[in-house]
Amino acid sequence: MNVQKIRTREKKDVYTLTSVKNALRILSSFSSEEPEQRVTDIAKHLGISKSTVSRLMSTLADEGFVVQNQKTRKYRLGLPVLSLSNAVDLSSEIRREARATIRRLVERAGENVHLVTRDRTDVFYLDTYERKYPERFYAQVGGRNPMYCTSSGKVLLAYQKGELIRAVIQRGLKPYTPSTITNEERLLRVLEEVSSKGYAVSMEELVEGACSVAAPIRDFNGGVVAAVSIVGPKQRINSRTVGTYAKLAIEAAKEISARLGY
């Protein structure tokens, strides 16, 4: 083999290893004391050039390992990092503050209730409360589902920027049931309705026979960070009863939002 090619490959290997090492150092720099950081802070703390940190953060963000707050420009760890390290704290602030409200909602609605957040183009289940009915619509804590065909996903999607909506559409609108929204224009219209009404519905769009209603949960900045959804069979959640369930979901979401400082 040509000596020059060997040296070139060795340089590439060193560069790759250095990039991986720096990316891991960046991820390790986040802590409970510093859960959010700017690029300049990370560069100064780790002694890495700002351009290198910016490039690595962009890559990590593309993969969901960090998430940027568009208002403060600070980064925080994403859910994949928490999952990989078994550090998904199920008693996190949202889950902890929502627990009592959700338990009351289960009793008032008489249906399953899910506490959901977003992980890139999926919904991520933070907590679930199941009623003991013959019909069981399971959602595991830590599980994921598509955003476009779940009520909680539509809520989370409706209040985000266009980039996320485009990413969901580009990923593909797979038909899970005959009722799944697979048309881009129709999805956009539905999301506009969700942001206008303040709640979303999913009528047998993910699982046949299962219907749900969800409302947005906001943090102290007013951003939609999670959703609470009521899930049940179409015999109980349908066009005649959806208004009642929507009101219950909205009231619960507002109560949790207030506990988060909104």
C-alpha atoms as a PDB file:
ATOM      1  CA  MET A   1       0.000   0.000   0.000  1.00  0.00           C
ATOM      2  CA  ASN A   2       1.177   3.519  -0.768  1.00  0.00           C
ATOM      3  CA  VAL A   3       2.936   5.126   2.240  1.00  0.00           C
ATOM      4  CA  GLN A   4       1.142   8.420   1.632  1.00  0.00           C
ATOM      5  CA  LYS A   5      -2.239   6.670   1.727  1.00  0.00           C
ATOM      6  CA  ILE A   6      -1.315   4.985   5.012  1.00  0.00           C
ATOM      7  CA  ARG A   7      -0.337   8.328   6.552  1.00  0.00           C
ATOM      8  CA  THR A   8      -3.519   9.944   5.270  1.00  0.00           C
ATOM      9  CA  ARG A   9      -5.648   7.162   6.777  1.00  0.00           C
ATOM     10  CA  GLU A  10      -3.782   7.410  10.084  1.00  0.00           C
ATOM     11  CA  LYS A  11      -4.429  11.162  10.185  1.00  0.00           C
ATOM     12  CA  LYS A  12      -8.138  10.567   9.534  1.00  0.00           C
ATOM     13  CA  ASP A  13      -8.269   7.962  12.305  1.00  0.00           C
ATOM     14  CA  VAL A  14      -6.598  10.357  14.749  1.00  0.00           C
ATOM     15  CA  TYR A  15      -8.985  13.146  13.730  1.00  0.00           C
ATOM     16  CA  THR A  16     -12.007  10.855  14.212  1.00  0.00           C
ATOM     17  CA  LEU A  17     -10.813   9.666  17.617  1.00  0.00           C
ATOM     18  CA  THR A  18     -10.153  13.244  18.700  1.00  0.00           C
ATOM     19  CA  SER A  19     -13.653  14.291  17.597  1.00  0.00           C
ATOM     20  CA  VAL A  20     -15.244  11.382  19.473  1.00  0.00           C
ATOM     21  CA  LYS A  21     -13.199  12.187  22.573  1.00  0.00           C
ATOM     22  CA  ASN A  22     -14.185  15.860  22.444  1.00  0.00           C
ATOM     23  CA  ALA A  23     -17.867  14.990  21.895  1.00  0.00           C
ATOM     24  CA  LEU A  24     -17.803  12.749  24.974  1.00  0.00           C
ATOM     25  CA  ARG A  25     -16.061  15.468  26.990  1.00  0.00           C
ATOM     26  CA  ILE A  26     -18.773  17.917  25.933  1.00  0.00           C
ATOM     27  CA  LEU A  27     -21.562  15.571  26.990  1.00  0.00           C
ATOM     28  CA  SER A  28     -19.792  14.922  30.304  1.00  0.00           C
ATOM     29  CA  SER A  29     -19.548  18.656  30.992  1.00  0.00           C
ATOM     30  CA  PHE A  30     -23.295  18.855  31.638  1.00  0.00           C
ATOM     31  CA  SER A  31     -24.340  18.328  35.244  1.00  0.00           C
ATOM     32  CA  SER A  32     -27.134  19.053  37.682  1.00  0.00           C
ATOM     33  CA  GLU A  33     -25.263  22.261  38.572  1.00  0.00           C
ATOM     34  CA  GLU A  34     -24.912  23.219  34.895  1.00  0.00           C
ATOM     35  CA  PRO A  35     -27.808  21.581  33.027  1.00  0.00           C
ATOM     36  CA  GLU A  36     -27.658  24.207  30.258  1.00  0.00           C
ATOM     37  CA  GLN A  37     -24.578  25.708  28.597  1.00  0.00           C
ATOM     38  CA  ARG A  38     -23.626  27.955  25.700  1.00  0.00           C
ATOM     39  CA  VAL A  39     -21.027  27.034  23.099  1.00  0.00           C
ATOM     40  CA  THR A  40     -18.627  29.708  24.409  1.00  0.00           C
ATOM     41  CA  ASP A  41     -18.925  28.382  27.978  1.00  0.00           C
ATOM     42  CA  ILE A  42     -18.154  24.819  26.894  1.00  0.00           C
ATOM     43  CA  ALA A  43     -15.200  25.931  24.762  1.00  0.00           C
ATOM     44  CA  LYS A  44     -13.702  27.934  27.612  1.00  0.00           C
ATOM     45  CA  HIS A  45     -14.273  25.215  30.205  1.00  0.00           C
ATOM     46  CA  LEU A  46     -12.831  22.367  28.127  1.00  0.00           C
ATOM     47  CA  GLY A  47     -10.118  24.309  26.330  1.00  0.00           C
ATOM     48  CA  ILE A  48     -11.517  23.444  22.899  1.00  0.00           C
ATOM     49  CA  SER A  49     -11.859  25.979  20.101  1.00  0.00           C
ATOM     50  CA  LYS A  50     -15.282  27.573  19.762  1.00  0.00           C
ATOM     51  CA  SER A  51     -15.539  26.471  16.121  1.00  0.00           C
ATOM     52  CA  THR A  52     -14.870  22.844  17.079  1.00  0.00           C
ATOM     53  CA  VAL A  53     -17.447  22.936  19.877  1.00  0.00           C
ATOM     54  CA  SER A  54     -19.994  24.570  17.566  1.00  0.00           C
ATOM     55  CA  ARG A  55     -19.456  21.883  14.908  1.00  0.00           C
ATOM     56  CA  LEU A  56     -19.706  19.026  17.412  1.00  0.00           C
ATOM     57  CA  MET A  57     -22.787  20.523  19.077  1.00  0.00           C
ATOM     58  CA  SER A  58     -24.461  20.777  15.686  1.00  0.00           C
ATOM     59  CA  THR A  59     -23.798  17.095  15.064  1.00  0.00           C
ATOM     60  CA  LEU A  60     -24.961  16.091  18.537  1.00  0.00           C
ATOM     61  CA  ALA A  61     -28.127  18.164  18.085  1.00  0.00           C
ATOM     62  CA  ASP A  62     -28.870  16.495  14.740  1.00  0.00           C
ATOM     63  CA  GLU A  63     -28.784  13.132  16.533  1.00  0.00           C
ATOM     64  CA  GLY A  64     -30.867  14.368  19.464  1.00  0.00           C
ATOM     65  CA  PHE A  65     -28.115  14.068  22.075  1.00  0.00           C
ATOM     66  CA  VAL A  66     -28.396  17.778  22.885  1.00  0.00           C
ATOM     67  CA  VAL A  67     -31.280  20.214  22.472  1.00  0.00           C
ATOM     68  CA  GLN A  68     -30.976  23.969  22.083  1.00  0.00           C
ATOM     69  CA  ASN A  69     -33.263  26.477  23.754  1.00  0.00           C
ATOM     70  CA  GLN A  70     -34.085  28.869  20.923  1.00  0.00           C
ATOM     71  CA  LYS A  71     -34.588  31.795  23.316  1.00  0.00           C
ATOM     72  CA  THR A  72     -31.430  31.521  25.451  1.00  0.00           C
ATOM     73  CA  ARG A  73     -29.311  29.715  22.803  1.00  0.00           C
ATOM     74  CA  LYS A  74     -28.164  27.356  25.553  1.00  0.00           C
ATOM     75  CA  TYR A  75     -27.928  23.594  25.090  1.00  0.00           C
ATOM     76  CA  ARG A  76     -29.143  20.829  27.372  1.00  0.00           C
ATOM     77  CA  LEU A  77     -28.868  17.053  27.179  1.00  0.00           C
ATOM     78  CA  GLY A  78     -31.409  15.230  25.035  1.00  0.00           C
ATOM     79  CA  LEU A  79     -33.389  12.159  25.958  1.00  0.00           C
ATOM     80  CA  PRO A  80     -31.153   9.680  24.044  1.00  0.00           C
ATOM     81  CA  VAL A  81     -28.268  10.497  26.395  1.00  0.00           C
ATOM     82  CA  LEU A  82     -30.487   9.951  29.409  1.00  0.00           C
ATOM     83  CA  SER A  83     -31.776   6.680  27.998  1.00  0.00           C
ATOM     84  CA  LEU A  84     -28.313   5.345  27.170  1.00  0.00           C
ATOM     85  CA  SER A  85     -26.969   6.111  30.606  1.00  0.00           C
ATOM     86  CA  ASN A  86     -30.038   4.739  32.411  1.00  0.00           C
ATOM     87  CA  ALA A  87     -30.372   8.212  33.815  1.00  0.00           C
ATOM     88  CA  VAL A  88     -33.875   8.950  32.652  1.00  0.00           C
ATOM     89  CA  ASP A  89     -35.148  10.222  35.952  1.00  0.00           C
ATOM     90  CA  LEU A  90     -38.803   9.226  35.979  1.00  0.00           C
ATOM     91  CA  SER A  91     -39.277  11.489  38.976  1.00  0.00           C
ATOM     92  CA  SER A  92     -38.053  14.451  36.898  1.00  0.00           C
ATOM     93  CA  GLU A  93     -39.658  17.817  37.398  1.00  0.00           C
ATOM     94  CA  ILE A  94     -42.443  17.349  34.861  1.00  0.00           C
ATOM     95  CA  ARG A  95     -43.337  13.868  36.054  1.00  0.00           C
ATOM     96  CA  ARG A  96     -43.082  14.834  39.711  1.00  0.00           C
ATOM     97  CA  GLU A  97     -45.216  17.959  39.358  1.00  0.00           C
ATOM     98  CA  ALA A  98     -47.775  16.168  37.194  1.00  0.00           C
ATOM     99  CA  ARG A  99     -48.266  13.039  39.288  1.00  0.00           C
ATOM    100  CA  ALA A 100     -51.021  14.222  41.638  1.00  0.00           C
ATOM    101  CA  THR A 101     -52.925  15.996  38.871  1.00  0.00           C
ATOM    102  CA  ILE A 102     -52.810  12.973  36.576  1.00  0.00           C
ATOM    103  CA  ARG A 103     -54.054  10.640  39.279  1.00  0.00           C
ATOM    104  CA  ARG A 104     -57.030  12.918  39.832  1.00  0.00           C
ATOM    105  CA  LEU A 105     -57.599  13.077  36.095  1.00  0.00           C
ATOM    106  CA  VAL A 106     -57.705   9.276  35.863  1.00  0.00           C
ATOM    107  CA  GLU A 107     -60.491   9.233  38.427  1.00  0.00           C
ATOM    108  CA  ARG A 108     -62.416  12.103  36.829  1.00  0.00           C
ATOM    109  CA  ALA A 109     -62.125  10.847  33.256  1.00  0.00           C
ATOM    110  CA  GLY A 110     -62.361   7.162  34.088  1.00  0.00           C
ATOM    111  CA  GLU A 111     -59.858   6.396  31.313  1.00  0.00           C
ATOM    112  CA  ASN A 112     -56.143   5.803  30.808  1.00  0.00           C
ATOM    113  CA  VAL A 113     -53.970   8.913  31.079  1.00  0.00           C
ATOM    114  CA  HIS A 114     -50.514   9.434  29.576  1.00  0.00           C
ATOM    115  CA  LEU A 115     -47.871  12.059  30.311  1.00  0.00           C
ATOM    116  CA  VAL A 116     -45.869  12.623  27.147  1.00  0.00           C
ATOM    117  CA  THR A 117     -42.953  14.707  25.905  1.00  0.00           C
ATOM    118  CA  ARG A 118     -41.062  14.855  22.606  1.00  0.00           C
ATOM    119  CA  ASP A 119     -37.947  13.012  21.461  1.00  0.00           C
ATOM    120  CA  ARG A 120     -37.052  14.350  18.018  1.00  0.00           C
ATOM    121  CA  THR A 121     -39.915  13.244  15.706  1.00  0.00           C
ATOM    122  CA  ASP A 122     -41.507  10.852  18.211  1.00  0.00           C
ATOM    123  CA  VAL A 123     -43.574  11.162  21.353  1.00  0.00           C
ATOM    124  CA  PHE A 124     -41.843   9.814  24.468  1.00  0.00           C
ATOM    125  CA  TYR A 125     -43.948   8.464  27.344  1.00  0.00           C
ATOM    126  CA  LEU A 126     -42.831   9.878  30.687  1.00  0.00           C
ATOM    127  CA  ASP A 127     -45.634   8.287  32.686  1.00  0.00           C
ATOM    128  CA  THR A 128     -48.779   6.242  32.167  1.00  0.00           C
ATOM    129  CA  TYR A 129     -51.783   5.461  34.351  1.00  0.00           C
ATOM    130  CA  GLU A 130     -53.973   2.569  33.256  1.00  0.00           C
ATOM    131  CA  ARG A 131     -57.583   1.856  34.209  1.00  0.00           C
ATOM    132  CA  LYS A 132     -58.531  -1.801  34.565  1.00  0.00           C
ATOM    133  CA  TYR A 133     -60.954  -2.136  31.675  1.00  0.00           C
ATOM    134  CA  PRO A 134     -61.350  -5.084  29.289  1.00  0.00           C
ATOM    135  CA  GLU A 135     -59.980  -2.819  26.548  1.00  0.00           C
ATOM    136  CA  ARG A 136     -56.286  -2.178  27.181  1.00  0.00           C
ATOM    137  CA  PHE A 137     -54.373   0.392  25.171  1.00  0.00           C
ATOM    138  CA  TYR A 138     -50.869   0.019  26.503  1.00  0.00           C
ATOM    139  CA  ALA A 139     -48.173   2.682  26.438  1.00  0.00           C
ATOM    140  CA  GLN A 140     -44.975   1.837  28.256  1.00  0.00           C
ATOM    141  CA  VAL A 141     -42.950   4.386  30.172  1.00  0.00           C
ATOM    142  CA  GLY A 142     -39.970   5.139  27.946  1.00  0.00           C
ATOM    143  CA  GLY A 143     -41.858   3.986  24.860  1.00  0.00           C
ATOM    144  CA  ARG A 144     -42.266   5.977  21.663  1.00  0.00           C
ATOM    145  CA  ASN A 145     -44.909   6.547  19.023  1.00  0.00           C
ATOM    146  CA  PRO A 146     -45.164   8.758  15.922  1.00  0.00           C
ATOM    147  CA  MET A 147     -46.247  12.344  16.493  1.00  0.00           C
ATOM    148  CA  TYR A 148     -48.592  12.792  13.544  1.00  0.00           C
ATOM    149  CA  CYS A 149     -51.107  10.077  14.494  1.00  0.00           C
ATOM    150  CA  THR A 150     -51.343  10.553  18.273  1.00  0.00           C
ATOM    151  CA  SER A 151     -53.238  13.339  20.027  1.00  0.00           C
ATOM    152  CA  SER A 152     -50.283  14.110  22.312  1.00  0.00           C
ATOM    153  CA  GLY A 153     -47.953  14.183  19.314  1.00  0.00           C
ATOM    154  CA  LYS A 154     -50.194  16.598  17.434  1.00  0.00           C
ATOM    155  CA  VAL A 155     -50.256  18.880  20.474  1.00  0.00           C
ATOM    156  CA  LEU A 156     -46.468  18.849  20.736  1.00  0.00           C
ATOM    157  CA  LEU A 157     -46.105  19.345  16.987  1.00  0.00           C
ATOM    158  CA  ALA A 158     -48.633  22.157  16.634  1.00  0.00           C
ATOM    159  CA  TYR A 159     -46.665  24.533  18.872  1.00  0.00           C
ATOM    160  CA  GLN A 160     -43.216  23.872  17.375  1.00  0.00           C
ATOM    161  CA  LYS A 161     -41.417  25.598  14.523  1.00  0.00           C
ATOM    162  CA  GLY A 162     -41.817  24.552  10.921  1.00  0.00           C
ATOM    163  CA  GLU A 163     -38.503  22.666  10.868  1.00  0.00           C
ATOM    164  CA  LEU A 164     -39.879  19.933  13.106  1.00  0.00           C
ATOM    165  CA  ILE A 165     -43.095  19.623  11.118  1.00  0.00           C
ATOM    166  CA  ARG A 166     -41.070  19.265   7.928  1.00  0.00           C
ATOM    167  CA  ALA A 167     -38.872  16.627   9.569  1.00  0.00           C
ATOM    168  CA  VAL A 168     -41.951  14.615  10.576  1.00  0.00           C
ATOM    169  CA  ILE A 169     -43.378  14.834   7.066  1.00  0.00           C
ATOM    170  CA  GLN A 170     -40.054  13.933   5.441  1.00  0.00           C
ATOM    171  CA  ARG A 171     -39.787  10.889   7.664  1.00  0.00           C
ATOM    172  CA  GLY A 172     -43.021   9.668   6.091  1.00  0.00           C
ATOM    173  CA  LEU A 173     -46.689   9.595   7.107  1.00  0.00           C
ATOM    174  CA  LYS A 174     -47.152   5.857   7.439  1.00  0.00           C
ATOM    175  CA  PRO A 175     -50.776   4.602   7.481  1.00  0.00           C
ATOM    176  CA  TYR A 176     -51.279   2.632  10.705  1.00  0.00           C
ATOM    177  CA  THR A 177     -55.047   2.437  10.252  1.00  0.00           C
ATOM    178  CA  PRO A 178     -57.568   3.601   7.625  1.00  0.00           C
ATOM    179  CA  SER A 179     -57.994   6.782   9.723  1.00  0.00           C
ATOM    180  CA  THR A 180     -54.291   7.753   9.848  1.00  0.00           C
ATOM    181  CA  ILE A 181     -53.489  11.154   8.345  1.00  0.00           C
ATOM    182  CA  THR A 182     -51.165  10.501   5.412  1.00  0.00           C
ATOM    183  CA  ASN A 183     -51.716  13.722   3.471  1.00  0.00           C
ATOM    184  CA  GLU A 184     -49.300  16.596   4.168  1.00  0.00           C
ATOM    185  CA  GLU A 185     -51.834  19.379   3.554  1.00  0.00           C
ATOM    186  CA  ARG A 186     -54.427  17.740   5.768  1.00  0.00           C
ATOM    187  CA  LEU A 187     -51.895  17.347   8.587  1.00  0.00           C
ATOM    188  CA  LEU A 188     -50.984  21.036   8.365  1.00  0.00           C
ATOM    189  CA  ARG A 189     -54.667  22.009   8.553  1.00  0.00           C
ATOM    190  CA  VAL A 190     -55.185  19.776  11.583  1.00  0.00           C
ATOM    191  CA  LEU A 191     -52.172  21.297  13.363  1.00  0.00           C
ATOM    192  CA  GLU A 192     -53.567  24.778  12.774  1.00  0.00           C
ATOM    193  CA  GLU A 193     -56.860  23.667  14.331  1.00  0.00           C
ATOM    194  CA  VAL A 194     -54.992  22.211  17.325  1.00  0.00           C
ATOM    195  CA  SER A 195     -53.154  25.467  18.034  1.00  0.00           C
ATOM    196  CA  SER A 196     -56.444  27.352  17.674  1.00  0.00           C
ATOM    197  CA  LYS A 197     -58.538  25.061  19.886  1.00  0.00           C
ATOM    198  CA  GLY A 198     -55.872  24.295  22.472  1.00  0.00           C
ATOM    199  CA  TYR A 199     -56.268  20.523  22.282  1.00  0.00           C
ATOM    200  CA  ALA A 200     -55.898  17.641  19.832  1.00  0.00           C
ATOM    201  CA  VAL A 201     -57.770  14.424  19.132  1.00  0.00           C
ATOM    202  CA  SER A 202     -56.816  11.127  17.542  1.00  0.00           C
ATOM    203  CA  MET A 203     -59.717   8.973  16.429  1.00  0.00           C
ATOM    204  CA  GLU A 204     -58.392   5.480  15.670  1.00  0.00           C
ATOM    205  CA  GLU A 205     -55.379   6.944  13.879  1.00  0.00           C
ATOM    206  CA  LEU A 206     -52.714   4.770  15.530  1.00  0.00           C
ATOM    207  CA  VAL A 207     -54.700   1.769  16.796  1.00  0.00           C
ATOM    208  CA  GLU A 208     -58.143   0.792  15.558  1.00  0.00           C
ATOM    209  CA  GLY A 209     -60.704   1.208  18.318  1.00  0.00           C
ATOM    210  CA  ALA A 210     -58.509   3.566  20.362  1.00  0.00           C
ATOM    211  CA  CYS A 211     -59.266   7.281  20.624  1.00  0.00           C
ATOM    212  CA  SER A 212     -57.540  10.019  22.604  1.00  0.00           C
ATOM    213  CA  VAL A 213     -57.640  13.696  23.544  1.00  0.00           C
ATOM    214  CA  ALA A 214     -54.570  15.703  24.580  1.00  0.00           C
ATOM    215  CA  ALA A 215     -53.739  19.198  25.836  1.00  0.00           C
ATOM    216  CA  PRO A 216     -50.394  21.075  26.016  1.00  0.00           C
ATOM    217  CA  ILE A 217     -48.264  21.494  29.146  1.00  0.00           C
ATOM    218  CA  ARG A 218     -46.114  24.647  29.246  1.00  0.00           C
ATOM    219  CA  ASP A 219     -42.985  25.492  31.211  1.00  0.00           C
ATOM    220  CA  PHE A 220     -42.149  28.812  32.895  1.00  0.00           C
ATOM    221  CA  ASN A 221     -41.084  30.256  29.519  1.00  0.00           C
ATOM    222  CA  GLY A 222     -44.447  29.423  27.989  1.00  0.00           C
ATOM    223  CA  GLY A 223     -43.015  26.779  25.699  1.00  0.00           C
ATOM    224  CA  VAL A 224     -44.956  23.546  25.181  1.00  0.00           C
ATOM    225  CA  VAL A 225     -42.736  20.896  26.788  1.00  0.00           C
ATOM    226  CA  ALA A 226     -45.175  18.039  27.321  1.00  0.00           C
ATOM    227  CA  ALA A 227     -48.757  16.920  26.878  1.00  0.00           C
ATOM    228  CA  VAL A 228     -51.362  15.083  28.907  1.00  0.00           C
ATOM    229  CA  SER A 229     -53.634  12.711  27.013  1.00  0.00           C
ATOM    230  CA  ILE A 230     -56.769  10.772  27.890  1.00  0.00           C
ATOM    231  CA  VAL A 231     -57.008   7.464  26.018  1.00  0.00           C
ATOM    232  CA  GLY A 232     -59.939   5.077  25.717  1.00  0.00           C
ATOM    233  CA  PRO A 233     -62.125   3.047  23.351  1.00  0.00           C
ATOM    234  CA  LYS A 234     -64.225   4.685  20.633  1.00  0.00           C
ATOM    235  CA  GLN A 235     -67.370   3.591  22.477  1.00  0.00           C
ATOM    236  CA  ARG A 236     -66.555   6.125  25.205  1.00  0.00           C
ATOM    237  CA  ILE A 237     -64.336   8.715  23.498  1.00  0.00           C
ATOM    238  CA  ASN A 238     -66.040   9.830  20.307  1.00  0.00           C
ATOM    239  CA  SER A 239     -67.512  12.869  18.528  1.00  0.00           C
ATOM    240  CA  ARG A 240     -70.310  13.148  21.106  1.00  0.00           C
ATOM    241  CA  THR A 241     -68.069  13.038  24.188  1.00  0.00           C
ATOM    242  CA  VAL A 242     -64.806  14.540  22.950  1.00  0.00           C
ATOM    243  CA  GLY A 243     -65.696  18.001  24.248  1.00  0.00           C
ATOM    244  CA  THR A 244     -66.032  16.739  27.815  1.00  0.00           C
ATOM    245  CA  TYR A 245     -62.721  14.901  27.701  1.00  0.00           C
ATOM    246  CA  ALA A 246     -61.009  17.884  26.071  1.00  0.00           C
ATOM    247  CA  LYS A 247     -62.141  20.129  28.919  1.00  0.00           C
ATOM    248  CA  LEU A 248     -60.746  17.690  31.489  1.00  0.00           C
ATOM    249  CA  ALA A 249     -57.419  17.413  29.650  1.00  0.00           C
ATOM    250  CA  ILE A 250     -57.084  21.191  29.288  1.00  0.00           C
ATOM    251  CA  GLU A 251     -57.816  21.784  32.985  1.00  0.00           C
ATOM    252  CA  ALA A 252     -55.239  19.168  34.004  1.00  0.00           C
ATOM    253  CA  ALA A 253     -52.626  20.557  31.599  1.00  0.00           C
ATOM    254  CA  LYS A 254     -53.131  24.091  32.925  1.00  0.00           C
ATOM    255  CA  GLU A 255     -52.747  22.871  36.498  1.00  0.00           C
ATOM    256  CA  ILE A 256     -49.492  21.088  35.690  1.00  0.00           C
ATOM    257  CA  SER A 257     -48.245  24.106  33.734  1.00  0.00           C
ATOM    258  CA  ALA A 258     -48.887  26.326  36.753  1.00  0.00           C
ATOM    259  CA  ARG A 259     -46.853  23.959  38.913  1.00  0.00           C
ATOM    260  CA  LEU A 260     -44.012  24.264  36.396  1.00  0.00           C
ATOM    261  CA  GLY A 261     -44.100  28.049  36.758  1.00  0.00           C
ATOM    262  CA  TYR A 262     -46.254  29.062  33.788  1.00  0.00           C
END
